[in-house]
Amino acid sequence: MFKRIWAYIQQLFRSGAEAAMDPKIEVEAAISEAKRQDQALRNQAAKVIAHRTQLEQKLEKAADTAGQSREIAKQALMKAEESKAAGDTAAYEKWTRAAQAQALKMQAAENNLNGLREQYELAAAQADEAKKAVQLNASRVQELAAKRMELLGQLEQAKMQESVNKAMSSMTAALDQEAPSLASVEEKISRRMADAKAHAELRESTPEGAEAELREAISLAGADAKLEELRAELGLSE
């Protein structure tokens, strides 16, 4: 039970940490790690190629040694034959021993040469594989670099969209806040109009209201009379 709880806590922590990480930092970290691995691979490949180069040098040296021993052994044999033909037994034995020594040296050199050839074939194949691995990984790093540019571009676009979304949310919130205040103003105006109409209605139902209405009617009648008088002076008819 404790292990399950601990595993849950660890996963929760990892999820929280991943969510808190800056995507740009994650992209740069991935590229840096890819470059580090690429450099490590190049270093290992260089060691493999260097080993092949060293074997090439040893192979050439072993071949030279074997060739020299062969030539010296031939010369010794010719000297031994000349000594034998001349009846010089001591010289014959000397040159024969010299030829035998060179033959042993030549045999050792050829054995070493054969071993080096086997090693060189393996080293050459390994060097080719190392170079291919470096080339493939270099292509992968280039792809990652291109992907990095794409991801960073998408990240900038996402940030811009988030900024626009935030601005739009602020505008919506502001409009939502204005709506109740306008409704309140409208309610106040309606209430004042209702109050004014109520007062007017009450005024009309009182003696003072009736008197005011009568005065207004008399004033209108007087105004109409004045208009008729002006029309007569001007010779106008209705």
C-alpha atoms as a PDB file:
ATOM      1  CA  MET A   1       0.000   0.000   0.000  1.00  0.00           C
ATOM      2  CA  PHE A   2       2.814   2.378   0.924  1.00  0.00           C
ATOM      3  CA  LYS A   3       4.599   1.652  -2.370  1.00  0.00           C
ATOM      4  CA  ARG A   4       1.457   2.491  -4.341  1.00  0.00           C
ATOM      5  CA  ILE A   5       1.024   5.763  -2.461  1.00  0.00           C
ATOM      6  CA  TRP A   6       4.699   6.628  -2.955  1.00  0.00           C
ATOM      7  CA  ALA A   7       4.501   5.835  -6.664  1.00  0.00           C
ATOM      8  CA  TYR A   8       1.414   8.049  -6.933  1.00  0.00           C
ATOM      9  CA  ILE A   9       3.200  10.907  -5.165  1.00  0.00           C
ATOM     10  CA  GLN A  10       6.219  10.539  -7.474  1.00  0.00           C
ATOM     11  CA  GLN A  11       4.028  10.570 -10.584  1.00  0.00           C
ATOM     12  CA  LEU A  12       2.126  13.571  -9.253  1.00  0.00           C
ATOM     13  CA  PHE A  13       5.386  15.403  -8.633  1.00  0.00           C
ATOM     14  CA  ARG A  14       6.695  14.562 -12.118  1.00  0.00           C
ATOM     15  CA  SER A  15       3.445  15.706 -13.724  1.00  0.00           C
ATOM     16  CA  GLY A  16       3.538  18.965 -11.789  1.00  0.00           C
ATOM     17  CA  ALA A  17       7.184  19.548 -12.646  1.00  0.00           C
ATOM     18  CA  GLU A  18       6.583  18.864 -16.347  1.00  0.00           C
ATOM     19  CA  ALA A  19       3.614  21.223 -16.390  1.00  0.00           C
ATOM     20  CA  ALA A  20       5.680  23.952 -14.714  1.00  0.00           C
ATOM     21  CA  MET A  21       8.609  23.676 -17.159  1.00  0.00           C
ATOM     22  CA  ASP A  22       8.978  26.268 -19.887  1.00  0.00           C
ATOM     23  CA  PRO A  23       8.514  24.551 -23.300  1.00  0.00           C
ATOM     24  CA  LYS A  24      11.312  26.686 -24.752  1.00  0.00           C
ATOM     25  CA  ILE A  25      13.704  25.474 -22.052  1.00  0.00           C
ATOM     26  CA  GLU A  26      12.633  21.867 -22.708  1.00  0.00           C
ATOM     27  CA  VAL A  27      13.299  22.263 -26.454  1.00  0.00           C
ATOM     28  CA  GLU A  28      16.730  23.814 -25.855  1.00  0.00           C
ATOM     29  CA  ALA A  29      17.565  21.089 -23.325  1.00  0.00           C
ATOM     30  CA  ALA A  30      16.639  18.375 -25.842  1.00  0.00           C
ATOM     31  CA  ILE A  31      18.814  19.989 -28.520  1.00  0.00           C
ATOM     32  CA  SER A  32      21.732  20.389 -26.085  1.00  0.00           C
ATOM     33  CA  GLU A  33      21.466  16.735 -25.065  1.00  0.00           C
ATOM     34  CA  ALA A  34      21.344  15.637 -28.714  1.00  0.00           C
ATOM     35  CA  LYS A  35      24.470  17.695 -29.458  1.00  0.00           C
ATOM     36  CA  ARG A  36      26.233  16.249 -26.404  1.00  0.00           C
ATOM     37  CA  GLN A  37      25.423  12.717 -27.531  1.00  0.00           C
ATOM     38  CA  ASP A  38      26.548  13.551 -31.053  1.00  0.00           C
ATOM     39  CA  GLN A  39      29.900  14.830 -29.780  1.00  0.00           C
ATOM     40  CA  ALA A  40      30.336  11.730 -27.612  1.00  0.00           C
ATOM     41  CA  LEU A  41      29.580   9.535 -30.626  1.00  0.00           C
ATOM     42  CA  ARG A  42      32.104  11.456 -32.731  1.00  0.00           C
ATOM     43  CA  ASN A  43      34.759  10.997 -30.051  1.00  0.00           C
ATOM     44  CA  GLN A  44      34.145   7.232 -29.944  1.00  0.00           C
ATOM     45  CA  ALA A  45      34.135   7.018 -33.740  1.00  0.00           C
ATOM     46  CA  ALA A  46      37.430   8.927 -33.845  1.00  0.00           C
ATOM     47  CA  LYS A  47      38.970   6.331 -31.517  1.00  0.00           C
ATOM     48  CA  VAL A  48      37.764   3.504 -33.754  1.00  0.00           C
ATOM     49  CA  ILE A  49      39.148   5.182 -36.874  1.00  0.00           C
ATOM     50  CA  ALA A  50      42.417   5.963 -35.087  1.00  0.00           C
ATOM     51  CA  HIS A  51      42.729   2.269 -34.163  1.00  0.00           C
ATOM     52  CA  ARG A  52      42.296   1.347 -37.814  1.00  0.00           C
ATOM     53  CA  THR A  53      44.966   3.896 -38.793  1.00  0.00           C
ATOM     54  CA  GLN A  54      47.386   2.479 -36.214  1.00  0.00           C
ATOM     55  CA  LEU A  55      46.796  -1.021 -37.567  1.00  0.00           C
ATOM     56  CA  GLU A  56      47.506   0.275 -41.071  1.00  0.00           C
ATOM     57  CA  GLN A  57      50.865   1.577 -39.878  1.00  0.00           C
ATOM     58  CA  LYS A  58      51.664  -1.680 -38.054  1.00  0.00           C
ATOM     59  CA  LEU A  59      50.599  -3.653 -41.097  1.00  0.00           C
ATOM     60  CA  GLU A  60      52.931  -1.686 -43.344  1.00  0.00           C
ATOM     61  CA  LYS A  61      55.791  -2.089 -40.890  1.00  0.00           C
ATOM     62  CA  ALA A  62      55.183  -5.841 -40.537  1.00  0.00           C
ATOM     63  CA  ALA A  63      55.051  -6.220 -44.311  1.00  0.00           C
ATOM     64  CA  ASP A  64      58.360  -4.335 -44.630  1.00  0.00           C
ATOM     65  CA  THR A  65      59.948  -6.532 -41.965  1.00  0.00           C
ATOM     66  CA  ALA A  66      58.764  -9.737 -43.634  1.00  0.00           C
ATOM     67  CA  GLY A  67      59.977  -8.501 -47.020  1.00  0.00           C
ATOM     68  CA  GLN A  68      63.392  -7.528 -45.651  1.00  0.00           C
ATOM     69  CA  SER A  69      63.781 -10.890 -43.916  1.00  0.00           C
ATOM     70  CA  ARG A  70      62.887 -12.681 -47.120  1.00  0.00           C
ATOM     71  CA  GLU A  71      65.457 -10.717 -49.135  1.00  0.00           C
ATOM     72  CA  ILE A  72      68.169 -11.200 -46.518  1.00  0.00           C
ATOM     73  CA  ALA A  73      67.383 -14.941 -46.342  1.00  0.00           C
ATOM     74  CA  LYS A  74      67.735 -15.145 -50.147  1.00  0.00           C
ATOM     75  CA  GLN A  75      71.058 -13.350 -50.044  1.00  0.00           C
ATOM     76  CA  ALA A  76      72.298 -15.660 -47.289  1.00  0.00           C
ATOM     77  CA  LEU A  77      71.267 -18.723 -49.301  1.00  0.00           C
ATOM     78  CA  MET A  78      73.114 -17.413 -52.345  1.00  0.00           C
ATOM     79  CA  LYS A  79      76.216 -16.811 -50.231  1.00  0.00           C
ATOM     80  CA  ALA A  80      75.931 -20.334 -48.817  1.00  0.00           C
ATOM     81  CA  GLU A  81      75.702 -21.783 -52.326  1.00  0.00           C
ATOM     82  CA  GLU A  82      78.724 -19.794 -53.430  1.00  0.00           C
ATOM     83  CA  SER A  83      80.666 -20.993 -50.390  1.00  0.00           C
ATOM     84  CA  LYS A  84      79.619 -24.587 -51.073  1.00  0.00           C
ATOM     85  CA  ALA A  85      80.733 -24.309 -54.680  1.00  0.00           C
ATOM     86  CA  ALA A  86      84.016 -22.869 -53.489  1.00  0.00           C
ATOM     87  CA  GLY A  87      84.474 -25.723 -51.015  1.00  0.00           C
ATOM     88  CA  ASP A  88      84.487 -23.313 -48.064  1.00  0.00           C
ATOM     89  CA  THR A  89      82.705 -25.373 -45.464  1.00  0.00           C
ATOM     90  CA  ALA A  90      82.938 -22.813 -42.678  1.00  0.00           C
ATOM     91  CA  ALA A  91      81.495 -20.027 -44.844  1.00  0.00           C
ATOM     92  CA  TYR A  92      78.807 -22.375 -46.075  1.00  0.00           C
ATOM     93  CA  GLU A  93      77.723 -23.208 -42.521  1.00  0.00           C
ATOM     94  CA  LYS A  94      77.835 -19.520 -41.536  1.00  0.00           C
ATOM     95  CA  TRP A  95      75.622 -18.362 -44.367  1.00  0.00           C
ATOM     96  CA  THR A  96      73.296 -21.318 -43.896  1.00  0.00           C
ATOM     97  CA  ARG A  97      72.795 -20.398 -40.231  1.00  0.00           C
ATOM     98  CA  ALA A  98      72.222 -16.789 -41.263  1.00  0.00           C
ATOM     99  CA  ALA A  99      69.599 -17.877 -43.797  1.00  0.00           C
ATOM    100  CA  GLN A 100      67.883 -20.011 -41.159  1.00  0.00           C
ATOM    101  CA  ALA A 101      67.801 -17.089 -38.721  1.00  0.00           C
ATOM    102  CA  GLN A 102      66.269 -14.824 -41.340  1.00  0.00           C
ATOM    103  CA  ALA A 103      63.788 -17.553 -42.259  1.00  0.00           C
ATOM    104  CA  LEU A 104      62.650 -17.724 -38.614  1.00  0.00           C
ATOM    105  CA  LYS A 105      62.404 -13.950 -38.496  1.00  0.00           C
ATOM    106  CA  MET A 106      60.490 -13.939 -41.771  1.00  0.00           C
ATOM    107  CA  GLN A 107      58.106 -16.599 -40.476  1.00  0.00           C
ATOM    108  CA  ALA A 108      57.417 -14.599 -37.317  1.00  0.00           C
ATOM    109  CA  ALA A 109      56.918 -11.437 -39.349  1.00  0.00           C
ATOM    110  CA  GLU A 110      54.507 -13.182 -41.714  1.00  0.00           C
ATOM    111  CA  ASN A 111      52.541 -14.645 -38.805  1.00  0.00           C
ATOM    112  CA  ASN A 112      52.342 -11.174 -37.275  1.00  0.00           C
ATOM    113  CA  LEU A 113      51.344  -9.793 -40.670  1.00  0.00           C
ATOM    114  CA  ASN A 114      48.504 -12.301 -41.027  1.00  0.00           C
ATOM    115  CA  GLY A 115      47.209 -11.471 -37.559  1.00  0.00           C
ATOM    116  CA  LEU A 116      47.384  -7.752 -38.266  1.00  0.00           C
ATOM    117  CA  ARG A 117      45.490  -8.253 -41.528  1.00  0.00           C
ATOM    118  CA  GLU A 118      42.637  -9.947 -39.670  1.00  0.00           C
ATOM    119  CA  GLN A 119      42.595  -7.171 -37.093  1.00  0.00           C
ATOM    120  CA  TYR A 120      42.726  -4.543 -39.809  1.00  0.00           C
ATOM    121  CA  GLU A 121      39.757  -6.040 -41.698  1.00  0.00           C
ATOM    122  CA  LEU A 122      37.709  -5.957 -38.509  1.00  0.00           C
ATOM    123  CA  ALA A 123      38.900  -2.445 -37.636  1.00  0.00           C
ATOM    124  CA  ALA A 124      38.137  -1.200 -41.155  1.00  0.00           C
ATOM    125  CA  ALA A 125      34.594  -2.588 -40.944  1.00  0.00           C
ATOM    126  CA  GLN A 126      34.154  -1.021 -37.511  1.00  0.00           C
ATOM    127  CA  ALA A 127      35.470   2.309 -38.782  1.00  0.00           C
ATOM    128  CA  ASP A 128      32.983   2.253 -41.650  1.00  0.00           C
ATOM    129  CA  GLU A 129      30.167   1.511 -39.214  1.00  0.00           C
ATOM    130  CA  ALA A 130      31.355   4.307 -36.933  1.00  0.00           C
ATOM    131  CA  LYS A 131      31.378   6.792 -39.813  1.00  0.00           C
ATOM    132  CA  LYS A 132      27.898   5.721 -40.867  1.00  0.00           C
ATOM    133  CA  ALA A 133      26.681   6.101 -37.283  1.00  0.00           C
ATOM    134  CA  VAL A 134      28.154   9.608 -37.128  1.00  0.00           C
ATOM    135  CA  GLN A 135      26.548  10.543 -40.448  1.00  0.00           C
ATOM    136  CA  LEU A 136      23.144   9.203 -39.382  1.00  0.00           C
ATOM    137  CA  ASN A 137      23.340  10.951 -36.029  1.00  0.00           C
ATOM    138  CA  ALA A 138      24.435  14.194 -37.700  1.00  0.00           C
ATOM    139  CA  SER A 139      21.343  13.986 -39.904  1.00  0.00           C
ATOM    140  CA  ARG A 140      19.255  13.365 -36.796  1.00  0.00           C
ATOM    141  CA  VAL A 141      20.747  16.431 -35.095  1.00  0.00           C
ATOM    142  CA  GLN A 142      19.981  18.519 -38.190  1.00  0.00           C
ATOM    143  CA  GLU A 143      16.412  17.234 -38.151  1.00  0.00           C
ATOM    144  CA  LEU A 144      16.157  18.116 -34.472  1.00  0.00           C
ATOM    145  CA  ALA A 145      17.520  21.598 -35.187  1.00  0.00           C
ATOM    146  CA  ALA A 146      14.889  22.076 -37.881  1.00  0.00           C
ATOM    147  CA  LYS A 147      12.239  20.707 -35.526  1.00  0.00           C
ATOM    148  CA  ARG A 148      13.506  23.119 -32.873  1.00  0.00           C
ATOM    149  CA  MET A 149      12.867  26.077 -35.179  1.00  0.00           C
ATOM    150  CA  GLU A 150       9.409  24.723 -35.982  1.00  0.00           C
ATOM    151  CA  LEU A 151       8.542  24.158 -32.305  1.00  0.00           C
ATOM    152  CA  LEU A 152       9.827  27.573 -31.260  1.00  0.00           C
ATOM    153  CA  GLY A 153       7.741  29.143 -34.025  1.00  0.00           C
ATOM    154  CA  GLN A 154       4.676  27.240 -32.858  1.00  0.00           C
ATOM    155  CA  LEU A 155       5.426  28.277 -29.282  1.00  0.00           C
ATOM    156  CA  GLU A 156       5.550  31.947 -30.266  1.00  0.00           C
ATOM    157  CA  GLN A 157       2.267  31.534 -32.147  1.00  0.00           C
ATOM    158  CA  ALA A 158       0.732  29.877 -29.092  1.00  0.00           C
ATOM    159  CA  LYS A 159       1.917  32.747 -26.883  1.00  0.00           C
ATOM    160  CA  MET A 160       0.435  35.301 -29.272  1.00  0.00           C
ATOM    161  CA  GLN A 161      -2.868  33.411 -29.358  1.00  0.00           C
ATOM    162  CA  GLU A 162      -2.879  33.184 -25.563  1.00  0.00           C
ATOM    163  CA  SER A 163      -2.289  36.924 -25.389  1.00  0.00           C
ATOM    164  CA  VAL A 164      -5.182  37.557 -27.783  1.00  0.00           C
ATOM    165  CA  ASN A 165      -7.400  35.167 -25.820  1.00  0.00           C
ATOM    166  CA  LYS A 166      -6.514  36.980 -22.609  1.00  0.00           C
ATOM    167  CA  ALA A 167      -7.324  40.345 -24.185  1.00  0.00           C
ATOM    168  CA  MET A 168     -10.636  39.026 -25.474  1.00  0.00           C
ATOM    169  CA  SER A 169     -11.470  37.611 -22.039  1.00  0.00           C
ATOM    170  CA  SER A 170     -10.704  40.999 -20.478  1.00  0.00           C
ATOM    171  CA  MET A 171     -12.977  42.734 -23.010  1.00  0.00           C
ATOM    172  CA  THR A 172     -15.787  40.254 -22.362  1.00  0.00           C
ATOM    173  CA  ALA A 173     -15.402  40.697 -18.629  1.00  0.00           C
ATOM    174  CA  ALA A 174     -15.528  44.489 -19.028  1.00  0.00           C
ATOM    175  CA  LEU A 175     -18.700  44.286 -21.115  1.00  0.00           C
ATOM    176  CA  ASP A 176     -20.269  41.939 -18.593  1.00  0.00           C
ATOM    177  CA  GLN A 177     -19.461  44.419 -15.863  1.00  0.00           C
ATOM    178  CA  GLU A 178     -21.029  47.324 -17.820  1.00  0.00           C
ATOM    179  CA  ALA A 179     -24.320  45.533 -18.465  1.00  0.00           C
ATOM    180  CA  PRO A 180     -25.664  45.658 -14.837  1.00  0.00           C
ATOM    181  CA  SER A 181     -24.827  49.366 -14.513  1.00  0.00           C
ATOM    182  CA  LEU A 182     -26.764  50.255 -17.714  1.00  0.00           C
ATOM    183  CA  ALA A 183     -29.701  48.207 -16.532  1.00  0.00           C
ATOM    184  CA  SER A 184     -29.543  50.051 -13.221  1.00  0.00           C
ATOM    185  CA  VAL A 185     -29.557  53.417 -15.009  1.00  0.00           C
ATOM    186  CA  GLU A 186     -32.499  52.338 -17.150  1.00  0.00           C
ATOM    187  CA  GLU A 187     -34.367  51.241 -14.037  1.00  0.00           C
ATOM    188  CA  LYS A 188     -33.692  54.600 -12.381  1.00  0.00           C
ATOM    189  CA  ILE A 189     -34.996  56.504 -15.414  1.00  0.00           C
ATOM    190  CA  SER A 190     -38.122  54.348 -15.612  1.00  0.00           C
ATOM    191  CA  ARG A 191     -38.722  54.868 -11.907  1.00  0.00           C
ATOM    192  CA  ARG A 192     -38.375  58.652 -12.261  1.00  0.00           C
ATOM    193  CA  MET A 193     -40.739  58.711 -15.246  1.00  0.00           C
ATOM    194  CA  ALA A 194     -43.259  56.660 -13.321  1.00  0.00           C
ATOM    195  CA  ASP A 195     -42.947  58.989 -10.344  1.00  0.00           C
ATOM    196  CA  ALA A 196     -43.403  62.050 -12.580  1.00  0.00           C
ATOM    197  CA  LYS A 197     -46.506  60.566 -14.220  1.00  0.00           C
ATOM    198  CA  ALA A 198     -47.900  59.613 -10.844  1.00  0.00           C
ATOM    199  CA  HIS A 199     -47.446  63.163  -9.530  1.00  0.00           C
ATOM    200  CA  ALA A 200     -49.031  64.598 -12.692  1.00  0.00           C
ATOM    201  CA  GLU A 201     -51.975  62.229 -12.349  1.00  0.00           C
ATOM    202  CA  LEU A 202     -52.450  63.171  -8.711  1.00  0.00           C
ATOM    203  CA  ARG A 203     -52.204  66.885  -9.551  1.00  0.00           C
ATOM    204  CA  GLU A 204     -54.934  66.588 -12.175  1.00  0.00           C
ATOM    205  CA  SER A 205     -57.279  64.994  -9.661  1.00  0.00           C
ATOM    206  CA  THR A 206     -56.954  67.921  -7.196  1.00  0.00           C
ATOM    207  CA  PRO A 207     -58.697  71.393  -7.326  1.00  0.00           C
ATOM    208  CA  GLU A 208     -55.366  72.997  -8.027  1.00  0.00           C
ATOM    209  CA  GLY A 209     -54.940  70.686 -10.993  1.00  0.00           C
ATOM    210  CA  ALA A 210     -58.367  71.465 -12.343  1.00  0.00           C
ATOM    211  CA  GLU A 211     -57.708  75.191 -12.009  1.00  0.00           C
ATOM    212  CA  ALA A 212     -54.429  74.856 -13.837  1.00  0.00           C
ATOM    213  CA  GLU A 213     -56.140  72.873 -16.597  1.00  0.00           C
ATOM    214  CA  LEU A 214     -58.808  75.557 -16.930  1.00  0.00           C
ATOM    215  CA  ARG A 215     -56.217  78.296 -17.132  1.00  0.00           C
ATOM    216  CA  GLU A 216     -54.386  76.361 -19.796  1.00  0.00           C
ATOM    217  CA  ALA A 217     -57.602  76.015 -21.809  1.00  0.00           C
ATOM    218  CA  ILE A 218     -58.323  79.764 -21.510  1.00  0.00           C
ATOM    219  CA  SER A 219     -54.796  80.557 -22.598  1.00  0.00           C
ATOM    220  CA  LEU A 220     -55.162  78.309 -25.606  1.00  0.00           C
ATOM    221  CA  ALA A 221     -58.468  79.928 -26.543  1.00  0.00           C
ATOM    222  CA  GLY A 222     -56.890  83.377 -26.283  1.00  0.00           C
ATOM    223  CA  ALA A 223     -54.000  82.248 -28.440  1.00  0.00           C
ATOM    224  CA  ASP A 224     -56.422  80.914 -31.051  1.00  0.00           C
ATOM    225  CA  ALA A 225     -58.266  84.256 -31.075  1.00  0.00           C
ATOM    226  CA  LYS A 226     -55.037  86.121 -31.625  1.00  0.00           C
ATOM    227  CA  LEU A 227     -54.200  83.823 -34.514  1.00  0.00           C
ATOM    228  CA  GLU A 228     -57.613  84.528 -36.138  1.00  0.00           C
ATOM    229  CA  GLU A 229     -56.997  88.260 -35.761  1.00  0.00           C
ATOM    230  CA  LEU A 230     -53.622  88.012 -37.469  1.00  0.00           C
ATOM    231  CA  ARG A 231     -55.078  85.940 -40.297  1.00  0.00           C
ATOM    232  CA  ALA A 232     -57.760  88.604 -40.877  1.00  0.00           C
ATOM    233  CA  GLU A 233     -55.160  91.347 -41.047  1.00  0.00           C
ATOM    234  CA  LEU A 234     -53.175  89.328 -43.522  1.00  0.00           C
ATOM    235  CA  GLY A 235     -56.243  88.354 -45.528  1.00  0.00           C
ATOM    236  CA  LEU A 236     -55.662  84.687 -44.909  1.00  0.00           C
ATOM    237  CA  SER A 237     -58.305  82.055 -44.466  1.00  0.00           C
ATOM    238  CA  GLU A 238     -58.093  78.727 -42.705  1.00  0.00           C
END
